[in-house]
Protein backbone atom coordinates (compact mmCIF):
# COMPACT_ATOMS: atom_id res chain seq x y z
CA UNK A 1 -17.34 -8.14 4.83
CA UNK A 2 -14.68 -7.08 7.33
CA UNK A 3 -14.76 -3.59 8.70
CA UNK A 4 -11.32 -1.98 8.81
CA UNK A 5 -9.69 -0.62 11.93
CA UNK A 6 -7.80 2.67 11.63
CA UNK A 7 -4.26 3.03 12.95
CA UNK A 8 -2.34 6.29 13.01
CA UNK A 9 1.42 5.82 12.80
CA UNK A 10 4.02 8.51 13.39
CA UNK A 11 6.40 8.88 10.44
CA UNK A 12 10.13 9.53 10.86
CA UNK A 13 9.48 13.30 10.70
CA UNK A 14 6.52 13.30 13.10
CA UNK A 15 3.73 13.35 10.51
CA UNK A 16 0.70 11.12 11.28
CA UNK A 17 0.04 8.42 8.70
CA UNK A 18 -3.27 6.59 8.41
CA UNK A 19 -3.42 2.82 7.88
CA UNK A 20 -6.56 0.72 7.43
CA UNK A 21 -6.19 -2.78 8.91
CA UNK A 22 -8.38 -5.76 8.07
CA UNK A 23 -8.41 -9.00 10.01
CA UNK A 24 -6.17 -10.04 12.86
CA UNK A 25 -2.42 -9.57 13.11
CA UNK A 26 -2.38 -13.01 14.79
CA UNK A 27 -3.31 -14.78 11.51
CA UNK A 28 -0.66 -17.31 10.53
CA UNK A 29 -0.66 -16.49 6.81
CA UNK A 30 1.71 -13.79 5.61
CA UNK A 31 0.20 -10.32 5.88
CA UNK A 32 -0.63 -8.28 2.79
CA UNK A 33 0.31 -4.60 2.54
CA UNK A 34 -1.57 -2.54 -0.05
CA UNK A 35 0.06 0.55 -1.54
CA UNK A 36 -2.20 2.82 -3.63
CA UNK A 37 -1.34 4.96 -6.62
CA UNK A 38 -0.26 8.60 -6.54
CA UNK A 39 -3.62 10.31 -5.98
CA UNK A 40 -5.39 7.28 -4.52
CA UNK A 41 -6.14 6.17 -0.97
CA UNK A 42 -6.39 3.08 1.21
CA UNK A 43 -10.11 2.83 0.44
CA UNK A 44 -9.20 1.52 -3.03
CA UNK A 45 -8.35 -1.78 -1.33
CA UNK A 46 -11.51 -2.21 0.77
CA UNK A 47 -12.93 -5.13 -1.22
CA UNK A 48 -9.54 -6.87 -1.48
CA UNK A 49 -8.74 -6.30 2.20
CA UNK A 50 -12.11 -7.64 3.29
CA UNK A 51 -11.92 -10.67 1.00
CA UNK A 52 -8.43 -11.65 2.15
CA UNK A 53 -9.19 -11.07 5.83
CA UNK A 54 -12.45 -13.04 5.62
CA UNK A 55 -11.04 -16.03 3.72
CA UNK A 56 -12.28 -19.10 5.62
CA UNK A 57 -9.19 -21.27 5.05
CA UNK A 58 -6.34 -18.73 5.00
CA UNK A 59 -7.39 -15.42 6.55
CA UNK A 60 -4.78 -12.70 6.27
CA UNK A 61 -3.96 -9.51 8.09
CA UNK A 62 -4.24 -6.77 5.47
CA UNK A 63 -2.95 -3.21 5.74
CA UNK A 64 -3.75 -0.39 3.31
CA UNK A 65 -1.87 2.90 3.56
CA UNK A 66 -2.86 6.49 3.03
CA UNK A 67 0.32 8.30 2.00
CA UNK A 68 1.12 11.69 3.47
CA UNK A 69 -1.31 14.31 2.23
CA UNK A 70 -3.87 11.72 1.10
CA UNK A 71 -6.88 10.13 2.73
CA UNK A 72 -6.80 10.48 6.51
CA UNK A 73 -3.02 11.01 6.75
CA UNK A 74 -1.70 14.43 7.72
CA UNK A 75 -0.91 16.98 5.04
CA UNK A 76 2.78 17.83 4.71
CA UNK A 77 3.40 21.52 4.01
CA UNK A 78 6.86 20.77 2.60
CA UNK A 79 6.48 19.85 -1.10
CA UNK A 80 9.92 18.20 -1.06
CA UNK A 81 8.48 15.45 1.14
CA UNK A 82 6.15 14.20 -1.59
CA UNK A 83 8.90 12.10 -3.16
CA UNK A 84 9.44 8.36 -3.39
CA UNK A 85 12.36 8.20 -0.91
CA UNK A 86 10.29 9.96 1.77
CA UNK A 87 7.24 7.81 1.06
CA UNK A 88 9.43 4.69 1.24
CA UNK A 89 10.52 5.88 4.69
CA UNK A 90 6.84 6.21 5.58
CA UNK A 91 6.16 2.62 4.48
CA UNK A 92 9.11 1.43 6.56
CA UNK A 93 7.79 3.38 9.57
CA UNK A 94 4.42 1.65 9.22
CA UNK A 95 6.00 -1.80 8.91
CA UNK A 96 8.11 -1.19 12.00
CA UNK A 97 5.28 0.27 14.10
CA UNK A 98 2.89 -2.58 13.26
CA UNK A 99 5.63 -5.22 13.61
CA UNK A 100 5.41 -6.50 10.04
CA UNK A 101 8.64 -8.35 9.34
CA UNK A 102 7.71 -9.91 6.01
CA UNK A 103 4.64 -9.44 3.82
CA UNK A 104 3.20 -9.69 0.35
CA UNK A 105 2.84 -6.24 -1.20
CA UNK A 106 0.13 -5.13 -3.62
CA UNK A 107 0.94 -1.85 -5.33
CA UNK A 108 -0.97 0.07 -7.96
CA UNK A 109 0.95 2.58 -10.04
CA UNK A 110 3.10 4.59 -7.58
CA UNK A 111 2.46 1.87 -5.00
CA UNK A 112 4.13 -0.61 -7.37
CA UNK A 113 7.16 1.66 -7.56
CA UNK A 114 7.28 1.78 -3.77
CA UNK A 115 7.07 -2.02 -3.57
CA UNK A 116 10.06 -2.28 -5.93
CA UNK A 117 12.02 0.28 -3.91
CA UNK A 118 11.20 -1.63 -0.73
CA UNK A 119 12.60 -4.77 -2.36
CA UNK A 120 15.91 -2.97 -2.84
CA UNK A 121 15.95 -1.20 0.55
CA UNK A 122 14.73 -4.08 2.74
CA UNK A 123 14.62 -7.29 0.68
CA UNK A 124 13.81 -9.48 3.69
CA UNK A 125 10.49 -7.63 4.11
CA UNK A 126 9.25 -8.58 0.64
CA UNK A 127 7.80 -12.10 0.45
CA UNK A 128 6.19 -11.28 -2.89
CA UNK A 129 4.59 -8.46 -4.80
CA UNK A 130 1.82 -7.71 -7.23
CA UNK A 131 2.32 -4.48 -9.14
CA UNK A 132 -0.43 -3.11 -11.37
CA UNK A 133 -1.08 -0.03 -13.43
CA UNK A 134 -4.66 1.25 -13.12
CA UNK A 135 -4.82 2.65 -16.60
CA UNK A 136 -2.99 -0.17 -18.37
CA UNK A 137 -6.02 -1.09 -20.48
CA UNK A 138 -6.60 2.53 -21.50
CA UNK A 139 -2.98 2.77 -22.60
CA UNK A 140 -3.26 -0.46 -24.58
CA UNK A 141 -6.44 0.77 -26.30
CA UNK A 142 -4.73 4.10 -27.07
CA UNK A 143 -1.70 2.30 -28.53
CA UNK A 144 -3.92 0.17 -30.74
CA UNK A 145 -5.79 3.19 -32.07
CA UNK A 146 -2.50 4.97 -32.85
CA UNK A 147 -1.31 1.94 -34.81
CA UNK A 148 -4.40 2.09 -37.04
CA UNK A 149 -3.91 5.70 -38.13
């Protein structure tokens, strides 16, 4: 299983953002960028990052972000900066710093929202996306139980 390498990228406002990288940026397959949910971190994608980077036939370069104030990224004392437009700017800063022109994005919950915003802000960067909701099954089960009562 691949061990990630940590990168610290400077955001547009000077904050340090942590990114876990798996595999080599020289891989020919499109890179994968993983965007966690609101209160989640890059470590959520360790198994996926390792599996994609270690694929024998099509290894990929995989990045997983810690948003500002989460994981190993710096805390931002300004609560107004914990908004989607600012976090989208952070994602764009990471893509620029690590020279990612086009990638496949995997987003869970808030990460899925950011992937959709990225598609509108920089469509050429989005080769594809997978958006998932962590608690989708719980919501489905809850809906079913409400229908029975």
